[in-house]
N, C-alpha and C. Protein backbone atom coordinates (compact mmCIF):
# COMPACT_ATOMS: atom_id res chain seq x y z
N MET A 1 -147.31 87.23 -80.17
CA MET A 1 -145.91 87.09 -79.78
C MET A 1 -145.04 86.70 -80.97
N GLY A 2 -145.55 85.88 -81.87
CA GLY A 2 -144.79 85.47 -83.03
C GLY A 2 -143.94 84.24 -82.75
N PRO A 3 -143.52 83.57 -83.82
CA PRO A 3 -142.73 82.34 -83.65
C PRO A 3 -141.33 82.61 -83.12
N HIS A 4 -140.86 81.70 -82.28
CA HIS A 4 -139.49 81.74 -81.77
C HIS A 4 -138.83 80.41 -82.08
N GLY A 5 -137.56 80.48 -82.43
CA GLY A 5 -136.82 79.30 -82.84
C GLY A 5 -137.10 79.01 -84.31
N HIS A 6 -136.11 78.49 -84.98
CA HIS A 6 -136.31 78.11 -86.38
C HIS A 6 -135.30 77.04 -86.77
N ILE A 7 -135.54 76.47 -87.93
CA ILE A 7 -134.61 75.49 -88.47
C ILE A 7 -134.08 75.96 -89.82
N ASP A 8 -132.90 75.52 -90.12
CA ASP A 8 -132.34 75.60 -91.46
C ASP A 8 -132.13 74.15 -91.87
N TYR A 9 -132.54 73.81 -93.07
CA TYR A 9 -132.33 72.43 -93.50
C TYR A 9 -131.75 72.41 -94.91
N THR A 10 -131.00 71.36 -95.14
CA THR A 10 -130.43 71.10 -96.45
C THR A 10 -130.53 69.60 -96.71
N TRP A 11 -130.43 69.23 -97.93
CA TRP A 11 -130.36 67.83 -98.30
C TRP A 11 -128.95 67.55 -98.80
N GLN A 12 -128.33 66.55 -98.24
CA GLN A 12 -127.04 66.05 -98.73
C GLN A 12 -127.35 64.69 -99.34
N GLY A 13 -127.62 64.70 -100.63
CA GLY A 13 -128.15 63.49 -101.26
C GLY A 13 -129.53 63.26 -100.68
N ASN A 14 -129.73 62.06 -100.11
CA ASN A 14 -131.02 61.76 -99.50
C ASN A 14 -130.98 61.87 -97.97
N VAL A 15 -130.03 62.65 -97.48
CA VAL A 15 -129.92 62.88 -96.03
C VAL A 15 -130.42 64.29 -95.73
N LEU A 16 -131.50 64.36 -94.97
CA LEU A 16 -132.04 65.65 -94.53
C LEU A 16 -131.25 66.09 -93.31
N VAL A 17 -130.55 67.22 -93.43
CA VAL A 17 -129.76 67.75 -92.33
C VAL A 17 -130.49 68.99 -91.81
N VAL A 18 -130.91 68.91 -90.55
CA VAL A 18 -131.68 69.97 -89.90
C VAL A 18 -130.80 70.62 -88.84
N LYS A 19 -130.68 71.94 -88.90
CA LYS A 19 -129.94 72.68 -87.88
C LYS A 19 -130.91 73.62 -87.19
N THR A 20 -131.02 73.46 -85.87
CA THR A 20 -131.95 74.27 -85.10
C THR A 20 -131.26 75.53 -84.59
N SER A 21 -132.07 76.55 -84.36
CA SER A 21 -131.55 77.81 -83.80
C SER A 21 -132.53 78.34 -82.77
N GLY A 22 -132.03 78.51 -81.57
CA GLY A 22 -132.77 79.20 -80.53
C GLY A 22 -133.77 78.38 -79.77
N PRO A 23 -134.27 78.96 -78.68
CA PRO A 23 -135.36 78.33 -77.94
C PRO A 23 -136.64 78.46 -78.77
N PHE A 24 -137.45 77.43 -78.74
CA PHE A 24 -138.68 77.41 -79.52
C PHE A 24 -139.89 77.69 -78.65
N ASN A 25 -140.85 78.41 -79.23
CA ASN A 25 -142.18 78.45 -78.66
C ASN A 25 -143.05 77.53 -79.52
N LEU A 26 -144.30 77.37 -79.14
CA LEU A 26 -145.17 76.42 -79.83
C LEU A 26 -145.34 76.78 -81.31
N GLU A 27 -145.53 78.05 -81.60
CA GLU A 27 -145.70 78.47 -82.99
C GLU A 27 -144.45 78.19 -83.81
N GLY A 28 -143.29 78.49 -83.26
CA GLY A 28 -142.04 78.26 -83.98
C GLY A 28 -141.78 76.79 -84.25
N VAL A 29 -142.05 75.93 -83.27
CA VAL A 29 -141.78 74.50 -83.45
C VAL A 29 -142.79 73.88 -84.42
N GLU A 30 -144.04 74.36 -84.40
CA GLU A 30 -145.03 73.83 -85.34
C GLU A 30 -144.67 74.20 -86.78
N ILE A 31 -144.18 75.41 -86.99
CA ILE A 31 -143.73 75.81 -88.33
C ILE A 31 -142.57 74.94 -88.77
N SER A 32 -141.61 74.72 -87.89
CA SER A 32 -140.44 73.91 -88.21
C SER A 32 -140.81 72.47 -88.53
N ALA A 33 -141.70 71.89 -87.73
CA ALA A 33 -142.14 70.51 -87.96
C ALA A 33 -142.84 70.40 -89.32
N ALA A 34 -143.65 71.39 -89.66
CA ALA A 34 -144.34 71.39 -90.95
C ALA A 34 -143.35 71.50 -92.10
N GLN A 35 -142.28 72.29 -91.93
CA GLN A 35 -141.27 72.42 -92.97
C GLN A 35 -140.60 71.07 -93.25
N ILE A 36 -140.36 70.30 -92.21
CA ILE A 36 -139.74 68.98 -92.38
C ILE A 36 -140.66 68.07 -93.18
N VAL A 37 -141.93 68.03 -92.82
CA VAL A 37 -142.89 67.20 -93.55
C VAL A 37 -142.95 67.62 -95.01
N THR A 38 -143.03 68.91 -95.27
CA THR A 38 -143.14 69.41 -96.64
C THR A 38 -141.92 69.05 -97.47
N THR A 39 -140.73 69.25 -96.93
CA THR A 39 -139.54 68.96 -97.74
C THR A 39 -139.39 67.47 -98.01
N VAL A 40 -139.74 66.63 -97.05
CA VAL A 40 -139.69 65.18 -97.28
C VAL A 40 -140.69 64.79 -98.35
N GLN A 41 -141.89 65.31 -98.28
CA GLN A 41 -142.91 64.99 -99.28
C GLN A 41 -142.51 65.52 -100.66
N ASP A 42 -141.91 66.71 -100.72
CA ASP A 42 -141.49 67.29 -101.99
C ASP A 42 -140.39 66.46 -102.65
N LYS A 43 -139.45 65.96 -101.84
CA LYS A 43 -138.33 65.19 -102.39
C LYS A 43 -138.76 63.79 -102.82
N ALA A 44 -139.64 63.17 -102.06
CA ALA A 44 -140.19 61.85 -102.38
C ALA A 44 -139.10 60.81 -102.67
N PHE A 45 -138.06 60.78 -101.84
CA PHE A 45 -137.00 59.79 -102.00
C PHE A 45 -137.55 58.39 -101.67
N SER A 46 -137.00 57.39 -102.33
CA SER A 46 -137.41 56.01 -102.02
C SER A 46 -136.84 55.59 -100.66
N SER A 47 -135.76 56.23 -100.23
CA SER A 47 -135.24 56.06 -98.87
C SER A 47 -134.52 57.35 -98.49
N TRP A 48 -134.59 57.69 -97.21
CA TRP A 48 -133.96 58.92 -96.75
C TRP A 48 -133.60 58.80 -95.28
N TYR A 49 -132.74 59.71 -94.84
CA TYR A 49 -132.26 59.77 -93.46
C TYR A 49 -132.54 61.18 -92.93
N ARG A 50 -132.66 61.28 -91.61
CA ARG A 50 -132.82 62.59 -90.97
C ARG A 50 -131.75 62.73 -89.91
N VAL A 51 -131.00 63.84 -89.98
CA VAL A 51 -129.97 64.13 -88.99
C VAL A 51 -130.17 65.56 -88.50
N ASP A 52 -130.39 65.71 -87.19
CA ASP A 52 -130.60 67.02 -86.59
C ASP A 52 -129.37 67.43 -85.78
N PHE A 53 -129.00 68.69 -85.90
CA PHE A 53 -127.97 69.30 -85.07
C PHE A 53 -128.66 70.35 -84.20
N LEU A 54 -128.66 70.14 -82.90
CA LEU A 54 -129.29 71.07 -81.97
C LEU A 54 -128.28 72.13 -81.54
N ASP A 55 -128.71 73.39 -81.51
CA ASP A 55 -127.80 74.41 -80.98
C ASP A 55 -127.96 74.48 -79.46
N ALA A 56 -127.16 75.31 -78.83
CA ALA A 56 -127.12 75.37 -77.36
C ALA A 56 -128.45 75.78 -76.74
N ASP A 57 -129.27 76.51 -77.49
CA ASP A 57 -130.51 77.04 -76.94
C ASP A 57 -131.75 76.24 -77.32
N THR A 58 -131.58 75.15 -78.03
CA THR A 58 -132.74 74.39 -78.49
C THR A 58 -133.36 73.61 -77.35
N LEU A 59 -134.40 74.18 -76.83
CA LEU A 59 -135.25 73.59 -75.80
C LEU A 59 -136.59 74.29 -75.91
N GLY A 60 -137.51 73.91 -75.05
CA GLY A 60 -138.79 74.58 -75.05
C GLY A 60 -139.66 74.04 -73.93
N SER A 61 -140.86 74.54 -73.88
CA SER A 61 -141.83 74.12 -72.87
C SER A 61 -142.20 72.66 -73.12
N PRO A 62 -142.89 72.03 -72.18
CA PRO A 62 -143.35 70.66 -72.41
C PRO A 62 -144.18 70.52 -73.69
N ALA A 63 -145.02 71.51 -74.01
CA ALA A 63 -145.81 71.45 -75.24
C ALA A 63 -144.90 71.48 -76.47
N VAL A 64 -143.85 72.28 -76.42
CA VAL A 64 -142.88 72.34 -77.51
C VAL A 64 -142.15 71.01 -77.64
N MET A 65 -141.72 70.47 -76.52
CA MET A 65 -140.98 69.20 -76.56
C MET A 65 -141.88 68.08 -77.09
N ASN A 66 -143.17 68.16 -76.82
CA ASN A 66 -144.12 67.19 -77.34
C ASN A 66 -144.17 67.24 -78.87
N VAL A 67 -144.18 68.44 -79.44
CA VAL A 67 -144.21 68.60 -80.89
C VAL A 67 -142.90 68.07 -81.49
N ILE A 68 -141.79 68.35 -80.84
CA ILE A 68 -140.50 67.84 -81.32
C ILE A 68 -140.52 66.31 -81.32
N GLY A 69 -141.01 65.72 -80.24
CA GLY A 69 -141.12 64.27 -80.17
C GLY A 69 -141.99 63.71 -81.27
N LYS A 70 -143.13 64.37 -81.53
CA LYS A 70 -144.02 63.92 -82.60
C LYS A 70 -143.35 64.02 -83.96
N SER A 71 -142.50 65.01 -84.15
CA SER A 71 -141.78 65.15 -85.41
C SER A 71 -140.83 63.96 -85.62
N TYR A 72 -140.13 63.58 -84.56
CA TYR A 72 -139.26 62.40 -84.66
C TYR A 72 -140.08 61.14 -84.88
N LEU A 73 -141.21 61.02 -84.21
CA LEU A 73 -142.08 59.86 -84.40
C LEU A 73 -142.62 59.82 -85.83
N TRP A 74 -142.96 60.99 -86.38
CA TRP A 74 -143.43 61.04 -87.77
C TRP A 74 -142.34 60.53 -88.71
N SER A 75 -141.11 61.04 -88.52
CA SER A 75 -140.01 60.58 -89.38
C SER A 75 -139.78 59.08 -89.21
N GLY A 76 -139.77 58.63 -87.97
CA GLY A 76 -139.50 57.22 -87.70
C GLY A 76 -140.56 56.28 -88.24
N SER A 77 -141.79 56.77 -88.36
CA SER A 77 -142.86 55.93 -88.89
C SER A 77 -143.02 56.06 -90.40
N HIS A 78 -142.30 57.01 -90.99
CA HIS A 78 -142.36 57.19 -92.44
C HIS A 78 -141.74 55.95 -93.09
N PRO A 79 -142.44 55.32 -94.01
CA PRO A 79 -141.95 54.05 -94.55
C PRO A 79 -140.60 54.13 -95.26
N ASN A 80 -140.21 55.30 -95.72
CA ASN A 80 -138.95 55.43 -96.45
C ASN A 80 -137.79 55.96 -95.60
N CYS A 81 -138.06 56.31 -94.33
CA CYS A 81 -136.99 56.82 -93.46
C CYS A 81 -136.19 55.65 -92.92
N LYS A 82 -134.90 55.64 -93.27
CA LYS A 82 -134.04 54.54 -92.85
C LYS A 82 -133.45 54.73 -91.46
N GLN A 83 -133.21 55.99 -91.06
CA GLN A 83 -132.58 56.23 -89.77
C GLN A 83 -132.73 57.70 -89.40
N ILE A 84 -132.81 57.96 -88.10
CA ILE A 84 -132.81 59.32 -87.55
C ILE A 84 -131.65 59.42 -86.58
N ALA A 85 -130.98 60.55 -86.62
CA ALA A 85 -129.89 60.81 -85.67
C ALA A 85 -130.00 62.26 -85.20
N VAL A 86 -129.59 62.48 -83.96
CA VAL A 86 -129.60 63.82 -83.38
C VAL A 86 -128.25 64.07 -82.72
N CYS A 87 -127.66 65.21 -83.05
CA CYS A 87 -126.43 65.64 -82.39
C CYS A 87 -126.79 66.72 -81.38
N CYS A 88 -126.62 66.39 -80.12
CA CYS A 88 -126.97 67.29 -79.02
C CYS A 88 -125.78 68.22 -78.71
N HIS A 89 -126.10 69.43 -78.35
CA HIS A 89 -125.07 70.41 -78.04
C HIS A 89 -124.62 70.35 -76.59
N ASN A 90 -125.51 69.89 -75.70
CA ASN A 90 -125.16 69.87 -74.28
C ASN A 90 -125.73 68.63 -73.60
N SER A 91 -125.31 68.41 -72.37
CA SER A 91 -125.69 67.19 -71.66
C SER A 91 -127.19 67.15 -71.34
N LEU A 92 -127.82 68.29 -71.13
CA LEU A 92 -129.26 68.31 -70.87
C LEU A 92 -130.03 67.77 -72.07
N GLN A 93 -129.69 68.26 -73.25
CA GLN A 93 -130.33 67.77 -74.47
C GLN A 93 -130.05 66.28 -74.65
N PHE A 94 -128.80 65.89 -74.42
CA PHE A 94 -128.40 64.49 -74.60
C PHE A 94 -129.22 63.58 -73.68
N ASP A 95 -129.33 63.95 -72.42
CA ASP A 95 -130.10 63.16 -71.46
C ASP A 95 -131.58 63.11 -71.84
N MET A 96 -132.13 64.24 -72.26
CA MET A 96 -133.54 64.26 -72.68
C MET A 96 -133.78 63.36 -73.89
N MET A 97 -132.86 63.40 -74.85
CA MET A 97 -133.00 62.56 -76.04
C MET A 97 -132.88 61.09 -75.69
N LYS A 98 -131.97 60.75 -74.82
CA LYS A 98 -131.82 59.35 -74.41
C LYS A 98 -133.10 58.86 -73.71
N ARG A 99 -133.69 59.69 -72.88
CA ARG A 99 -134.94 59.31 -72.22
C ARG A 99 -136.07 59.15 -73.25
N PHE A 100 -136.11 60.05 -74.22
CA PHE A 100 -137.12 59.97 -75.28
C PHE A 100 -136.96 58.67 -76.06
N VAL A 101 -135.73 58.32 -76.41
CA VAL A 101 -135.47 57.09 -77.15
C VAL A 101 -135.93 55.88 -76.35
N ALA A 102 -135.60 55.86 -75.07
CA ALA A 102 -135.99 54.72 -74.22
C ALA A 102 -137.51 54.61 -74.11
N LYS A 103 -138.18 55.74 -73.97
CA LYS A 103 -139.63 55.74 -73.82
C LYS A 103 -140.35 55.41 -75.13
N SER A 104 -139.88 55.96 -76.22
CA SER A 104 -140.56 55.81 -77.51
C SER A 104 -140.17 54.53 -78.24
N GLN A 105 -139.05 53.94 -77.86
CA GLN A 105 -138.50 52.78 -78.56
C GLN A 105 -138.19 53.10 -80.03
N LEU A 106 -137.98 54.37 -80.32
CA LEU A 106 -137.65 54.81 -81.66
C LEU A 106 -136.17 54.52 -81.93
N PRO A 107 -135.85 53.93 -83.05
CA PRO A 107 -134.44 53.66 -83.35
C PRO A 107 -133.73 54.94 -83.78
N LEU A 108 -133.46 55.78 -82.82
CA LEU A 108 -132.87 57.09 -83.04
C LEU A 108 -131.48 57.09 -82.41
N LEU A 109 -130.48 57.48 -83.20
CA LEU A 109 -129.12 57.58 -82.69
C LEU A 109 -128.91 58.95 -82.07
N VAL A 110 -128.24 58.99 -80.93
CA VAL A 110 -127.99 60.26 -80.25
C VAL A 110 -126.48 60.46 -80.16
N PHE A 111 -126.02 61.56 -80.72
CA PHE A 111 -124.60 61.90 -80.70
C PHE A 111 -124.38 63.16 -79.87
N SER A 112 -123.15 63.32 -79.39
CA SER A 112 -122.76 64.56 -78.72
C SER A 112 -121.57 65.20 -79.43
N ASP A 113 -121.04 64.55 -80.45
CA ASP A 113 -119.87 65.02 -81.17
C ASP A 113 -120.24 65.33 -82.63
N PRO A 114 -120.15 66.61 -83.03
CA PRO A 114 -120.50 66.97 -84.40
C PRO A 114 -119.67 66.23 -85.46
N GLU A 115 -118.41 65.97 -85.17
CA GLU A 115 -117.57 65.26 -86.14
C GLU A 115 -118.06 63.83 -86.33
N GLU A 116 -118.44 63.19 -85.24
CA GLU A 116 -118.98 61.83 -85.32
C GLU A 116 -120.31 61.84 -86.10
N THR A 117 -121.09 62.87 -85.90
CA THR A 117 -122.35 63.00 -86.62
C THR A 117 -122.09 63.22 -88.10
N ASP A 118 -121.10 64.04 -88.44
CA ASP A 118 -120.73 64.24 -89.85
C ASP A 118 -120.28 62.93 -90.48
N GLN A 119 -119.57 62.11 -89.73
CA GLN A 119 -119.15 60.80 -90.23
C GLN A 119 -120.37 59.93 -90.51
N PHE A 120 -121.36 60.00 -89.64
CA PHE A 120 -122.60 59.25 -89.84
C PHE A 120 -123.27 59.70 -91.14
N ILE A 121 -123.34 61.00 -91.38
CA ILE A 121 -123.94 61.53 -92.61
C ILE A 121 -123.18 61.00 -93.82
N LYS A 122 -121.88 61.05 -93.74
CA LYS A 122 -121.04 60.56 -94.85
C LYS A 122 -121.30 59.07 -95.10
N GLN A 123 -121.40 58.31 -94.03
CA GLN A 123 -121.66 56.88 -94.14
C GLN A 123 -123.02 56.63 -94.81
N CYS A 124 -124.03 57.38 -94.42
CA CYS A 124 -125.36 57.24 -95.02
C CYS A 124 -125.31 57.58 -96.51
N SER A 125 -124.61 58.64 -96.84
CA SER A 125 -124.50 59.05 -98.24
C SER A 125 -123.78 57.99 -99.07
N GLU A 126 -122.69 57.44 -98.52
CA GLU A 126 -121.92 56.43 -99.23
C GLU A 126 -122.74 55.15 -99.39
N GLU A 127 -123.47 54.78 -98.35
CA GLU A 127 -124.32 53.59 -98.38
C GLU A 127 -125.36 53.73 -99.48
N ASN A 128 -125.95 54.92 -99.57
CA ASN A 128 -126.96 55.16 -100.59
C ASN A 128 -126.34 55.14 -101.98
N PHE A 129 -125.16 55.72 -102.11
CA PHE A 129 -124.49 55.77 -103.41
C PHE A 129 -124.11 54.37 -103.87
N ALA A 130 -123.69 53.53 -102.91
CA ALA A 130 -123.25 52.17 -103.25
C ALA A 130 -124.42 51.25 -103.57
N GLY A 131 -125.59 51.57 -103.05
CA GLY A 131 -126.59 50.58 -103.23
C GLY A 131 -127.93 51.01 -103.56
């Protein structure tokens, strides 16, 4: 069948910005999760942030959602990750992320406004630059 769903990522200083596209199948989400691990390891920042922007179609089966959760848990347990944030495109994603945060106790910020999320990225970048 081949992978479905993908990510585009960029680094803004030490802020990893991940933009998702499409519904994911297991193969697609596993490739995306591996890309995140690889880029973090390649950059080897002494501290870094992760900010995800979900598109309208970013969802998947329970197995896919499990891999996504594990990716956030991996980032959150990484000793140099200072913060994770997710900007949800719709209320379903927002509610799912809030439930995940409550269950996992992961210090993950959940946004629904891209402009507010961009402000968070700017704040992280400025904080890093200042200190």
